[in-house]
Amino acid sequence: MGNSWRLFIQSCSQRGCRMHFTINGQSHDIEVDVRTSLLDLCREHLGLTGSKKGCDHGQCGACTMLVNGRRVNSCLTLAVMHQDDEITTIEGLGQPGNLHPLQDAFVRHDGFQCGYCTPGQICSAVGMMDEVKKGWPSHVTGDLGAAELTVEEISERMSGNLCRCAAYPNIVDAIRDAAGLGDRNPNEDVGKEVAA
């Protein structure tokens, strides 16, 4: 048993464990019940309500956050698993008057209707664009040495984020715009993997 594990066990009481989190660049020392999801920590304990609880089963993507730059369904991961991780919620991506490029593109392309899925869509798109930049292939990547943000690639990589309003074409357009790729061919099928 390592020292960090011993220290963690010693920090626990019947009410929970004293944990340190870095969320949106801010440090938080908080006592957390070990059964608390990362989503519930942010929403119920820290007042960060941008990420949504849609299905609470990891199927809709409305709760997507970035942990150390990677996308996670925050409803499925326990907060205690993220001691000292860098966690970014939608609130940490931009501020009013200084939006993240993807937030700005979603507004310009009307990449939402009701807006419930939008925080998860944007966080997922930020992580997805980083995956492509690092060259990580997906199921549909044609050239494993050079992943590109094609419409098919975006649709595949964003298929874990559902939009009940079916704003998929606008979401893809917003992502392509933020990536500097310009307009897609309007005849390209968008969202067929998600809608099926």
N, C-alpha and C. Protein backbone atom coordinates (compact mmCIF):
# COMPACT_ATOMS: atom_id res chain seq x y z
N MET A 1 0.86 -1.18 0.00
CA MET A 1 0.00 0.00 0.00
C MET A 1 0.90 1.23 0.00
N GLY A 2 0.75 2.12 -1.00
CA GLY A 2 1.58 3.31 -1.12
C GLY A 2 1.21 4.39 -0.12
N ASN A 3 2.12 5.35 0.05
CA ASN A 3 1.90 6.46 0.98
C ASN A 3 0.67 7.28 0.61
N SER A 4 0.46 7.53 -0.69
CA SER A 4 -0.69 8.35 -1.09
C SER A 4 -2.00 7.66 -0.71
N TRP A 5 -2.04 6.33 -0.83
CA TRP A 5 -3.25 5.59 -0.45
C TRP A 5 -3.47 5.68 1.06
N ARG A 6 -2.39 5.55 1.85
CA ARG A 6 -2.51 5.67 3.31
C ARG A 6 -3.02 7.05 3.69
N LEU A 7 -2.47 8.09 3.07
CA LEU A 7 -2.91 9.45 3.37
C LEU A 7 -4.38 9.64 3.02
N PHE A 8 -4.80 9.04 1.90
CA PHE A 8 -6.20 9.15 1.50
C PHE A 8 -7.10 8.49 2.54
N ILE A 9 -6.76 7.28 2.96
CA ILE A 9 -7.57 6.56 3.95
C ILE A 9 -7.63 7.35 5.26
N GLN A 10 -6.51 7.95 5.66
CA GLN A 10 -6.48 8.72 6.90
C GLN A 10 -7.34 9.97 6.82
N SER A 11 -7.58 10.47 5.60
CA SER A 11 -8.38 11.69 5.45
C SER A 11 -9.89 11.41 5.50
N CYS A 12 -10.26 10.15 5.59
CA CYS A 12 -11.67 9.78 5.56
C CYS A 12 -12.27 9.67 6.96
N SER A 13 -13.54 10.02 7.04
CA SER A 13 -14.31 9.86 8.27
C SER A 13 -15.63 9.20 7.87
N GLN A 14 -16.55 9.09 8.81
CA GLN A 14 -17.85 8.52 8.47
C GLN A 14 -18.63 9.41 7.51
N ARG A 15 -18.35 10.71 7.51
CA ARG A 15 -19.07 11.63 6.62
C ARG A 15 -18.49 11.65 5.22
N GLY A 16 -17.23 11.28 5.07
CA GLY A 16 -16.62 11.32 3.76
C GLY A 16 -15.12 11.47 3.86
N CYS A 17 -14.51 11.87 2.75
CA CYS A 17 -13.06 12.04 2.69
C CYS A 17 -12.73 13.48 2.34
N ARG A 18 -11.71 14.00 2.97
CA ARG A 18 -11.23 15.34 2.66
C ARG A 18 -10.41 15.23 1.39
N MET A 19 -10.82 15.95 0.36
CA MET A 19 -10.19 15.84 -0.97
C MET A 19 -9.78 17.21 -1.48
N HIS A 20 -8.81 17.20 -2.39
CA HIS A 20 -8.40 18.43 -3.07
C HIS A 20 -8.71 18.28 -4.55
N PHE A 21 -9.40 19.27 -5.08
CA PHE A 21 -9.74 19.28 -6.50
C PHE A 21 -9.30 20.60 -7.11
N THR A 22 -8.89 20.56 -8.36
CA THR A 22 -8.65 21.78 -9.12
C THR A 22 -9.69 21.80 -10.23
N ILE A 23 -10.64 22.71 -10.09
CA ILE A 23 -11.75 22.78 -11.04
C ILE A 23 -11.77 24.18 -11.64
N ASN A 24 -11.67 24.23 -12.96
CA ASN A 24 -11.63 25.50 -13.70
C ASN A 24 -10.52 26.41 -13.17
N GLY A 25 -9.39 25.79 -12.82
CA GLY A 25 -8.23 26.55 -12.36
C GLY A 25 -8.27 26.97 -10.90
N GLN A 26 -9.33 26.65 -10.19
CA GLN A 26 -9.45 27.03 -8.78
C GLN A 26 -9.31 25.80 -7.89
N SER A 27 -8.57 25.97 -6.79
CA SER A 27 -8.39 24.88 -5.83
C SER A 27 -9.59 24.79 -4.90
N HIS A 28 -9.97 23.56 -4.61
CA HIS A 28 -11.08 23.30 -3.69
C HIS A 28 -10.66 22.17 -2.75
N ASP A 29 -10.70 22.42 -1.46
CA ASP A 29 -10.53 21.38 -0.44
C ASP A 29 -11.90 21.17 0.16
N ILE A 30 -12.42 19.97 0.02
CA ILE A 30 -13.80 19.72 0.41
C ILE A 30 -13.94 18.28 0.91
N GLU A 31 -14.82 18.08 1.87
CA GLU A 31 -15.12 16.73 2.33
C GLU A 31 -16.22 16.16 1.44
N VAL A 32 -15.95 14.99 0.88
CA VAL A 32 -16.84 14.40 -0.10
C VAL A 32 -17.20 12.97 0.31
N ASP A 33 -18.47 12.65 0.24
CA ASP A 33 -18.91 11.27 0.41
C ASP A 33 -18.31 10.47 -0.74
N VAL A 34 -17.75 9.32 -0.46
CA VAL A 34 -17.06 8.54 -1.49
C VAL A 34 -17.99 8.06 -2.60
N ARG A 35 -19.29 8.16 -2.40
CA ARG A 35 -20.26 7.74 -3.43
C ARG A 35 -20.66 8.87 -4.36
N THR A 36 -20.13 10.08 -4.14
CA THR A 36 -20.52 11.26 -4.92
C THR A 36 -19.87 11.24 -6.30
N SER A 37 -20.68 11.41 -7.33
CA SER A 37 -20.13 11.47 -8.69
C SER A 37 -19.46 12.83 -8.89
N LEU A 38 -18.60 12.89 -9.88
CA LEU A 38 -17.95 14.16 -10.22
C LEU A 38 -19.00 15.19 -10.62
N LEU A 39 -20.03 14.76 -11.33
CA LEU A 39 -21.12 15.66 -11.72
C LEU A 39 -21.80 16.25 -10.49
N ASP A 40 -22.15 15.40 -9.53
CA ASP A 40 -22.84 15.88 -8.33
C ASP A 40 -21.93 16.77 -7.48
N LEU A 41 -20.63 16.47 -7.44
CA LEU A 41 -19.70 17.34 -6.72
C LEU A 41 -19.77 18.76 -7.29
N CYS A 42 -19.67 18.85 -8.61
CA CYS A 42 -19.67 20.17 -9.25
C CYS A 42 -21.02 20.87 -9.10
N ARG A 43 -22.09 20.17 -9.36
CA ARG A 43 -23.42 20.80 -9.33
C ARG A 43 -23.90 21.10 -7.91
N GLU A 44 -23.82 20.11 -7.03
CA GLU A 44 -24.45 20.24 -5.71
C GLU A 44 -23.55 20.84 -4.64
N HIS A 45 -22.24 20.65 -4.76
CA HIS A 45 -21.34 21.14 -3.72
C HIS A 45 -20.61 22.42 -4.11
N LEU A 46 -20.40 22.63 -5.41
CA LEU A 46 -19.63 23.79 -5.86
C LEU A 46 -20.45 24.80 -6.66
N GLY A 47 -21.72 24.51 -6.91
CA GLY A 47 -22.59 25.45 -7.62
C GLY A 47 -22.28 25.62 -9.09
N LEU A 48 -21.56 24.67 -9.67
CA LEU A 48 -21.25 24.71 -11.10
C LEU A 48 -22.30 23.89 -11.83
N THR A 49 -23.39 24.55 -12.20
CA THR A 49 -24.56 23.84 -12.74
C THR A 49 -24.62 23.82 -14.26
N GLY A 50 -23.56 24.22 -14.93
CA GLY A 50 -23.56 24.20 -16.39
C GLY A 50 -23.67 22.80 -16.95
N SER A 51 -22.91 21.87 -16.42
CA SER A 51 -22.99 20.48 -16.85
C SER A 51 -24.30 19.90 -16.38
N LYS A 52 -24.96 19.16 -17.24
CA LYS A 52 -26.32 18.69 -16.96
C LYS A 52 -26.37 17.21 -16.62
N LYS A 53 -27.35 16.85 -15.82
CA LYS A 53 -27.62 15.44 -15.53
C LYS A 53 -28.79 15.04 -16.42
N GLY A 54 -28.45 14.36 -17.52
CA GLY A 54 -29.48 13.95 -18.47
C GLY A 54 -29.99 12.57 -18.14
N CYS A 55 -29.16 11.57 -18.35
CA CYS A 55 -29.59 10.19 -18.15
C CYS A 55 -29.04 9.58 -16.86
N ASP A 56 -27.94 10.11 -16.36
CA ASP A 56 -27.25 9.59 -15.17
C ASP A 56 -26.77 8.16 -15.39
N HIS A 57 -26.58 7.78 -16.66
CA HIS A 57 -26.11 6.43 -17.01
C HIS A 57 -24.99 6.46 -18.07
N GLY A 58 -24.47 7.64 -18.39
CA GLY A 58 -23.39 7.74 -19.36
C GLY A 58 -23.80 7.54 -20.80
N GLN A 59 -25.08 7.72 -21.10
CA GLN A 59 -25.55 7.46 -22.45
C GLN A 59 -25.84 8.71 -23.27
N CYS A 60 -25.97 9.88 -22.63
CA CYS A 60 -26.40 11.06 -23.39
C CYS A 60 -25.30 12.10 -23.59
N GLY A 61 -24.28 12.13 -22.73
CA GLY A 61 -23.18 13.07 -22.88
C GLY A 61 -23.44 14.46 -22.35
N ALA A 62 -24.62 14.73 -21.79
CA ALA A 62 -24.92 16.08 -21.29
C ALA A 62 -24.02 16.48 -20.13
N CYS A 63 -23.42 15.50 -19.46
CA CYS A 63 -22.58 15.75 -18.29
C CYS A 63 -21.09 15.82 -18.64
N THR A 64 -20.73 15.80 -19.92
CA THR A 64 -19.33 15.72 -20.31
C THR A 64 -18.51 16.87 -19.73
N MET A 65 -17.39 16.52 -19.12
CA MET A 65 -16.40 17.46 -18.61
C MET A 65 -15.04 17.01 -19.13
N LEU A 66 -14.04 17.86 -18.93
CA LEU A 66 -12.68 17.50 -19.29
C LEU A 66 -11.90 17.23 -18.02
N VAL A 67 -11.23 16.09 -17.95
CA VAL A 67 -10.36 15.75 -16.83
C VAL A 67 -8.96 15.55 -17.41
N ASN A 68 -8.06 16.42 -17.01
CA ASN A 68 -6.70 16.43 -17.57
C ASN A 68 -6.76 16.49 -19.10
N GLY A 69 -7.73 17.24 -19.62
CA GLY A 69 -7.87 17.45 -21.05
C GLY A 69 -8.65 16.38 -21.79
N ARG A 70 -9.03 15.31 -21.12
CA ARG A 70 -9.75 14.22 -21.77
C ARG A 70 -11.21 14.24 -21.39
N ARG A 71 -12.06 13.86 -22.34
CA ARG A 71 -13.51 13.85 -22.11
C ARG A 71 -13.91 12.73 -21.17
N VAL A 72 -14.79 13.05 -20.23
CA VAL A 72 -15.36 12.02 -19.35
C VAL A 72 -16.84 12.30 -19.15
N ASN A 73 -17.61 11.23 -19.00
CA ASN A 73 -19.00 11.36 -18.57
C ASN A 73 -18.96 11.49 -17.06
N SER A 74 -19.16 12.70 -16.57
CA SER A 74 -18.96 12.96 -15.14
C SER A 74 -20.01 12.30 -14.26
N CYS A 75 -21.11 11.82 -14.84
CA CYS A 75 -22.11 11.10 -14.05
C CYS A 75 -21.64 9.69 -13.71
N LEU A 76 -20.64 9.17 -14.44
CA LEU A 76 -20.18 7.80 -14.24
C LEU A 76 -18.90 7.69 -13.43
N THR A 77 -18.26 8.80 -13.13
CA THR A 77 -16.98 8.75 -12.43
C THR A 77 -17.14 9.34 -11.03
N LEU A 78 -16.54 8.69 -10.06
CA LEU A 78 -16.63 9.17 -8.69
C LEU A 78 -15.67 10.32 -8.47
N ALA A 79 -16.10 11.30 -7.71
CA ALA A 79 -15.26 12.47 -7.44
C ALA A 79 -13.95 12.06 -6.78
N VAL A 80 -13.98 11.07 -5.88
CA VAL A 80 -12.76 10.68 -5.17
C VAL A 80 -11.70 10.11 -6.10
N MET A 81 -12.05 9.77 -7.32
CA MET A 81 -11.08 9.27 -8.29
C MET A 81 -10.26 10.40 -8.89
N HIS A 82 -10.61 11.64 -8.59
CA HIS A 82 -9.99 12.77 -9.29
C HIS A 82 -9.24 13.72 -8.38
N GLN A 83 -8.72 13.19 -7.27
CA GLN A 83 -7.86 13.96 -6.39
C GLN A 83 -6.72 14.55 -7.22
N ASP A 84 -6.55 15.86 -7.17
CA ASP A 84 -5.45 16.58 -7.82
C ASP A 84 -5.50 16.58 -9.35
N ASP A 85 -6.57 16.09 -9.96
CA ASP A 85 -6.71 16.20 -11.41
C ASP A 85 -7.13 17.61 -11.78
N GLU A 86 -6.86 17.99 -13.04
CA GLU A 86 -7.32 19.27 -13.58
C GLU A 86 -8.68 19.02 -14.23
N ILE A 87 -9.73 19.56 -13.64
CA ILE A 87 -11.09 19.35 -14.12
C ILE A 87 -11.59 20.64 -14.74
N THR A 88 -12.16 20.55 -15.94
CA THR A 88 -12.71 21.72 -16.61
C THR A 88 -14.17 21.46 -16.94
N THR A 89 -15.04 22.34 -16.46
CA THR A 89 -16.46 22.29 -16.79
C THR A 89 -16.72 23.37 -17.84
N ILE A 90 -17.93 23.45 -18.32
CA ILE A 90 -18.29 24.47 -19.31
C ILE A 90 -18.00 25.87 -18.78
N GLU A 91 -18.15 26.07 -17.46
CA GLU A 91 -17.90 27.39 -16.88
C GLU A 91 -16.43 27.79 -16.98
N GLY A 92 -15.54 26.80 -17.11
CA GLY A 92 -14.12 27.08 -17.17
C GLY A 92 -13.58 27.31 -18.57
N LEU A 93 -14.42 27.15 -19.59
CA LEU A 93 -13.95 27.31 -20.97
C LEU A 93 -13.96 28.76 -21.44
N GLY A 94 -14.86 29.56 -20.98
CA GLY A 94 -14.94 30.94 -21.42
C GLY A 94 -15.78 31.75 -20.46
N GLN A 95 -15.78 33.03 -20.67
CA GLN A 95 -16.55 33.95 -19.83
C GLN A 95 -17.42 34.83 -20.73
N PRO A 96 -18.51 35.36 -20.21
CA PRO A 96 -19.30 36.30 -21.02
C PRO A 96 -18.39 37.42 -21.53
N GLY A 97 -18.48 37.68 -22.81
CA GLY A 97 -17.62 38.69 -23.42
C GLY A 97 -16.27 38.15 -23.86
N ASN A 98 -15.92 36.94 -23.45
CA ASN A 98 -14.66 36.31 -23.84
C ASN A 98 -14.90 34.80 -23.98
N LEU A 99 -15.74 34.45 -24.95
CA LEU A 99 -16.13 33.06 -25.14
C LEU A 99 -14.99 32.22 -25.71
N HIS A 100 -15.00 30.94 -25.38
CA HIS A 100 -14.11 29.98 -26.02
C HIS A 100 -14.51 29.94 -27.50
N PRO A 101 -13.57 29.72 -28.42
CA PRO A 101 -13.92 29.68 -29.85
C PRO A 101 -15.07 28.73 -30.19
N LEU A 102 -15.16 27.60 -29.51
CA LEU A 102 -16.28 26.69 -29.78
C LEU A 102 -17.59 27.25 -29.27
N GLN A 103 -17.59 27.92 -28.12
CA GLN A 103 -18.82 28.55 -27.63
C GLN A 103 -19.28 29.60 -28.63
N ASP A 104 -18.35 30.40 -29.11
CA ASP A 104 -18.68 31.44 -30.09
C ASP A 104 -19.24 30.82 -31.38
N ALA A 105 -18.62 29.74 -31.84
CA ALA A 105 -19.08 29.08 -33.06
C ALA A 105 -20.47 28.47 -32.87
N PHE A 106 -20.75 27.89 -31.70
CA PHE A 106 -22.08 27.34 -31.43
C PHE A 106 -23.13 28.45 -31.50
N VAL A 107 -22.82 29.61 -30.99
CA VAL A 107 -23.76 30.73 -31.04
C VAL A 107 -23.97 31.16 -32.50
N ARG A 108 -22.89 31.35 -33.25
CA ARG A 108 -23.00 31.82 -34.63
C ARG A 108 -23.70 30.83 -35.54
N HIS A 109 -23.55 29.54 -35.27
CA HIS A 109 -24.15 28.51 -36.13
C HIS A 109 -25.44 27.93 -35.56
N ASP A 110 -25.94 28.53 -34.50
CA ASP A 110 -27.17 28.04 -33.86
C ASP A 110 -27.05 26.54 -33.58
N GLY A 111 -25.94 26.16 -32.92
CA GLY A 111 -25.65 24.76 -32.62
C GLY A 111 -26.43 24.24 -31.43
N PHE A 112 -27.58 24.78 -31.20
CA PHE A 112 -28.42 24.36 -30.08
C PHE A 112 -29.84 24.82 -30.37
N GLN A 113 -30.80 24.20 -29.71
CA GLN A 113 -32.17 24.70 -29.74
C GLN A 113 -32.62 24.91 -28.30
N CYS A 114 -32.86 23.83 -27.58
CA CYS A 114 -33.26 24.02 -26.17
C CYS A 114 -32.04 24.34 -25.31
N GLY A 115 -30.85 23.89 -25.71
CA GLY A 115 -29.61 24.21 -25.00
C GLY A 115 -29.23 23.24 -23.90
N TYR A 116 -30.06 22.26 -23.62
CA TYR A 116 -29.76 21.35 -22.51
C TYR A 116 -28.47 20.56 -22.75
N CYS A 117 -28.26 20.10 -23.96
CA CYS A 117 -27.08 19.29 -24.26
C CYS A 117 -25.84 20.12 -24.56
N THR A 118 -26.01 21.42 -24.77
CA THR A 118 -24.94 22.27 -25.27
C THR A 118 -23.67 22.25 -24.42
N PRO A 119 -23.73 22.36 -23.08
CA PRO A 119 -22.48 22.33 -22.32
C PRO A 119 -21.68 21.04 -22.55
N GLY A 120 -22.37 19.91 -22.58
CA GLY A 120 -21.69 18.64 -22.84
C GLY A 120 -21.17 18.56 -24.26
N GLN A 121 -21.95 19.06 -25.22
CA GLN A 121 -21.50 19.07 -26.62
C GLN A 121 -20.21 19.87 -26.77
N ILE A 122 -20.18 21.06 -26.16
CA ILE A 122 -19.01 21.93 -26.30
C ILE A 122 -17.80 21.33 -25.60
N CYS A 123 -17.96 20.84 -24.37
CA CYS A 123 -16.82 20.20 -23.68
C CYS A 123 -16.32 19.00 -24.47
N SER A 124 -17.23 18.21 -25.00
CA SER A 124 -16.84 17.05 -25.79
C SER A 124 -16.10 17.48 -27.06
N ALA A 125 -16.59 18.52 -27.71
CA ALA A 125 -15.94 19.01 -28.94
C ALA A 125 -14.53 19.52 -28.65
N VAL A 126 -14.33 20.19 -27.52
CA VAL A 126 -12.99 20.66 -27.14
C VAL A 126 -12.06 19.45 -27.00
N GLY A 127 -12.51 18.42 -26.28
CA GLY A 127 -11.69 17.22 -26.12
C GLY A 127 -11.47 16.49 -27.42
N MET A 128 -12.50 16.43 -28.25
CA MET A 128 -12.41 15.74 -29.53
C MET A 128 -11.41 16.42 -30.46
N MET A 129 -11.43 17.74 -30.50
CA MET A 129 -10.49 18.46 -31.36
C MET A 129 -9.05 18.23 -30.90
N ASP A 130 -8.85 18.13 -29.61
CA ASP A 130 -7.52 17.84 -29.08
C ASP A 130 -7.08 16.43 -29.45
N GLU A 131 -8.01 15.47 -29.42
CA GLU A 131 -7.69 14.09 -29.82
C GLU A 131 -7.22 14.06 -31.27
N VAL A 132 -7.92 14.77 -32.14
CA VAL A 132 -7.56 14.79 -33.55
C VAL A 132 -6.20 15.47 -33.73
N LYS A 133 -5.98 16.57 -33.01
CA LYS A 133 -4.70 17.28 -33.10
C LYS A 133 -3.54 16.36 -32.68
N LYS A 134 -3.78 15.49 -31.71
CA LYS A 134 -2.75 14.55 -31.25
C LYS A 134 -2.61 13.34 -32.18
N GLY A 135 -3.52 13.23 -33.16
CA GLY A 135 -3.44 12.14 -34.13
C GLY A 135 -4.10 10.85 -33.69
N TRP A 136 -4.95 10.91 -32.67
CA TRP A 136 -5.62 9.69 -32.20
C TRP A 136 -6.68 9.28 -33.21
N PRO A 137 -6.62 8.07 -33.74
CA PRO A 137 -7.62 7.64 -34.71
C PRO A 137 -8.93 7.25 -34.03
N SER A 138 -9.99 7.28 -34.81
CA SER A 138 -11.29 6.79 -34.36
C SER A 138 -11.66 5.58 -35.23
N HIS A 139 -12.85 5.08 -35.03
CA HIS A 139 -13.34 3.94 -35.80
C HIS A 139 -13.38 4.24 -37.30
N VAL A 140 -13.61 5.49 -37.68
CA VAL A 140 -13.78 5.83 -39.10
C VAL A 140 -12.57 6.53 -39.70
N THR A 141 -11.49 6.69 -38.95
CA THR A 141 -10.31 7.37 -39.47
C THR A 141 -9.74 6.57 -40.64
N GLY A 142 -9.66 7.22 -41.81
CA GLY A 142 -9.16 6.56 -43.00
C GLY A 142 -7.66 6.35 -42.96
N ASP A 143 -6.91 7.38 -42.62
CA ASP A 143 -5.46 7.33 -42.56
C ASP A 143 -5.05 7.35 -41.09
N LEU A 144 -4.64 6.23 -40.56
CA LEU A 144 -4.32 6.14 -39.13
C LEU A 144 -3.16 7.05 -38.74
N GLY A 145 -2.40 7.51 -39.71
CA GLY A 145 -1.29 8.41 -39.42
C GLY A 145 -1.68 9.87 -39.40
N ALA A 146 -2.90 10.18 -39.84
CA ALA A 146 -3.30 11.59 -39.94
C ALA A 146 -4.81 11.73 -39.82
N ALA A 147 -5.32 11.73 -38.61
CA ALA A 147 -6.76 11.94 -38.41
C ALA A 147 -7.13 13.36 -38.82
N GLU A 148 -8.25 13.50 -39.50
CA GLU A 148 -8.73 14.82 -39.94
C GLU A 148 -10.15 15.03 -39.45
N LEU A 149 -10.54 16.30 -39.33
CA LEU A 149 -11.89 16.63 -38.89
C LEU A 149 -12.86 16.67 -40.07
N THR A 150 -13.08 15.51 -40.67
CA THR A 150 -14.10 15.41 -41.71
C THR A 150 -15.47 15.36 -41.04
N VAL A 151 -16.51 15.53 -41.83
CA VAL A 151 -17.87 15.44 -41.28
C VAL A 151 -18.09 14.06 -40.68
N GLU A 152 -17.64 13.02 -41.37
CA GLU A 152 -17.80 11.66 -40.85
C GLU A 152 -17.03 11.48 -39.54
N GLU A 153 -15.83 12.02 -39.48
CA GLU A 153 -14.99 11.92 -38.27
C GLU A 153 -15.65 12.65 -37.10
N ILE A 154 -16.14 13.85 -37.35
CA ILE A 154 -16.81 14.62 -36.29
C ILE A 154 -18.05 13.88 -35.81
N SER A 155 -18.86 13.38 -36.75
CA SER A 155 -20.09 12.65 -36.37
C SER A 155 -19.77 11.43 -35.52
N GLU A 156 -18.74 10.69 -35.90
CA GLU A 156 -18.34 9.50 -35.14
C GLU A 156 -17.86 9.88 -33.75
N ARG A 157 -16.98 10.86 -33.68
CA ARG A 157 -16.38 11.23 -32.39
C ARG A 157 -17.38 11.92 -31.46
N MET A 158 -18.39 12.54 -31.99
CA MET A 158 -19.40 13.21 -31.17
C MET A 158 -20.63 12.33 -30.94
N SER A 159 -20.59 11.08 -31.38
CA SER A 159 -21.78 10.22 -31.28
C SER A 159 -22.17 9.90 -29.85
N GLY A 160 -21.33 10.16 -28.88
CA GLY A 160 -21.67 9.95 -27.48
C GLY A 160 -22.42 11.11 -26.86
N ASN A 161 -22.66 12.15 -27.65
CA ASN A 161 -23.40 13.33 -27.18
C ASN A 161 -24.69 13.44 -27.97
N LEU A 162 -25.80 13.18 -27.29
CA LEU A 162 -27.10 13.22 -27.96
C LEU A 162 -27.71 14.61 -27.89
N CYS A 163 -28.43 14.96 -28.95
CA CYS A 163 -29.19 16.21 -29.00
C CYS A 163 -30.62 15.84 -29.35
N ARG A 164 -31.50 15.94 -28.40
CA ARG A 164 -32.90 15.55 -28.62
C ARG A 164 -33.60 16.48 -29.61
N CYS A 165 -33.06 17.68 -29.80
CA CYS A 165 -33.64 18.63 -30.76
C CYS A 165 -33.11 18.40 -32.17
N ALA A 166 -32.14 17.50 -32.33
CA ALA A 166 -31.56 17.14 -33.62
C ALA A 166 -30.87 18.31 -34.31
N ALA A 167 -30.07 19.05 -33.57
CA ALA A 167 -29.32 20.17 -34.14
C ALA A 167 -27.97 19.72 -34.69
N TYR A 168 -27.83 18.45 -35.04
CA TYR A 168 -26.55 17.89 -35.45
C TYR A 168 -25.87 18.63 -36.60
N PRO A 169 -26.58 18.99 -37.68
CA PRO A 169 -25.89 19.72 -38.76
C PRO A 169 -25.26 21.03 -38.27
N ASN A 170 -25.96 21.74 -37.41
CA ASN A 170 -25.43 23.01 -36.90
C ASN A 170 -24.27 22.77 -35.94
N ILE A 171 -24.33 21.70 -35.16
CA ILE A 171 -23.23 21.36 -34.25
C ILE A 171 -21.98 21.04 -35.06
N VAL A 172 -22.12 20.24 -36.11
CA VAL A 172 -20.98 19.91 -36.97
C VAL A 172 -20.43 21.17 -37.62
N ASP A 173 -21.32 22.04 -38.11
CA ASP A 173 -20.87 23.30 -38.72
C ASP A 173 -20.10 24.15 -37.72
N ALA A 174 -20.57 24.20 -36.48
CA ALA A 174 -19.88 24.99 -35.45
C ALA A 174 -18.49 24.44 -35.18
N ILE A 175 -18.38 23.12 -35.09
CA ILE A 175 -17.07 22.50 -34.84
C ILE A 175 -16.13 22.75 -36.00
N ARG A 176 -16.63 22.58 -37.23
CA ARG A 176 -15.79 22.84 -38.41
C ARG A 176 -15.34 24.30 -38.44
N ASP A 177 -16.23 25.21 -38.10
CA ASP A 177 -15.89 26.63 -38.08
C ASP A 177 -14.80 26.91 -37.04
N ALA A 178 -14.98 26.38 -35.83
CA ALA A 178 -13.98 26.60 -34.77
C ALA A 178 -12.62 26.02 -35.15
N ALA A 179 -12.63 24.96 -35.97
CA ALA A 179 -11.39 24.34 -36.42
C ALA A 179 -10.82 25.02 -37.66
N GLY A 180 -11.53 26.03 -38.18
CA GLY A 180 -11.06 26.76 -39.36
C GLY A 180 -11.22 25.99 -40.65
N LEU A 181 -12.22 25.10 -40.73
CA LEU A 181 -12.40 24.25 -41.91
C LEU A 181 -13.43 24.76 -42.89
N GLY A 182 -14.17 25.78 -42.56
CA GLY A 182 -15.17 26.31 -43.47
C GLY A 182 -16.44 25.49 -43.50
N ASP A 183 -17.29 25.78 -44.47
CA ASP A 183 -18.60 25.15 -44.55
C ASP A 183 -18.49 23.73 -45.08
N ARG A 184 -19.38 22.88 -44.60
CA ARG A 184 -19.45 21.51 -45.10
C ARG A 184 -20.32 21.50 -46.35
N ASN A 185 -20.23 20.43 -47.10
CA ASN A 185 -21.11 20.22 -48.24
C ASN A 185 -22.51 19.95 -47.67
N PRO A 186 -23.53 20.76 -48.03
CA PRO A 186 -24.86 20.56 -47.45
C PRO A 186 -25.47 19.20 -47.75
N ASN A 187 -24.93 18.48 -48.73
CA ASN A 187 -25.45 17.15 -49.06
C ASN A 187 -24.87 16.04 -48.19
N GLU A 188 -23.85 16.37 -47.37
CA GLU A 188 -23.25 15.35 -46.50
C GLU A 188 -24.21 15.00 -45.37
N ASP A 189 -24.33 13.71 -45.12
CA ASP A 189 -25.21 13.23 -44.05
C ASP A 189 -24.54 13.49 -42.70
N VAL A 190 -25.27 14.13 -41.81
CA VAL A 190 -24.73 14.48 -40.50
C VAL A 190 -25.59 13.84 -39.42
N GLY A 191 -24.95 13.15 -38.50
CA GLY A 191 -25.66 12.63 -37.33
C GLY A 191 -26.37 11.32 -37.54
N LYS A 192 -26.13 10.64 -38.66
CA LYS A 192 -26.86 9.40 -38.89
C LYS A 192 -26.52 8.34 -37.85
N GLU A 193 -25.25 8.36 -37.35
CA GLU A 193 -24.86 7.38 -36.34
C GLU A 193 -25.61 7.62 -35.04
N VAL A 194 -25.85 8.88 -34.72
CA VAL A 194 -26.49 9.23 -33.46
C VAL A 194 -27.99 9.03 -33.55
N ALA A 195 -28.56 9.37 -34.70
CA ALA A 195 -30.02 9.33 -34.85
C ALA A 195 -30.55 7.90 -34.98
N ALA A 196 -29.68 6.97 -35.35
CA ALA A 196 -30.13 5.59 -35.60
C ALA A 196 -30.61 4.90 -34.35
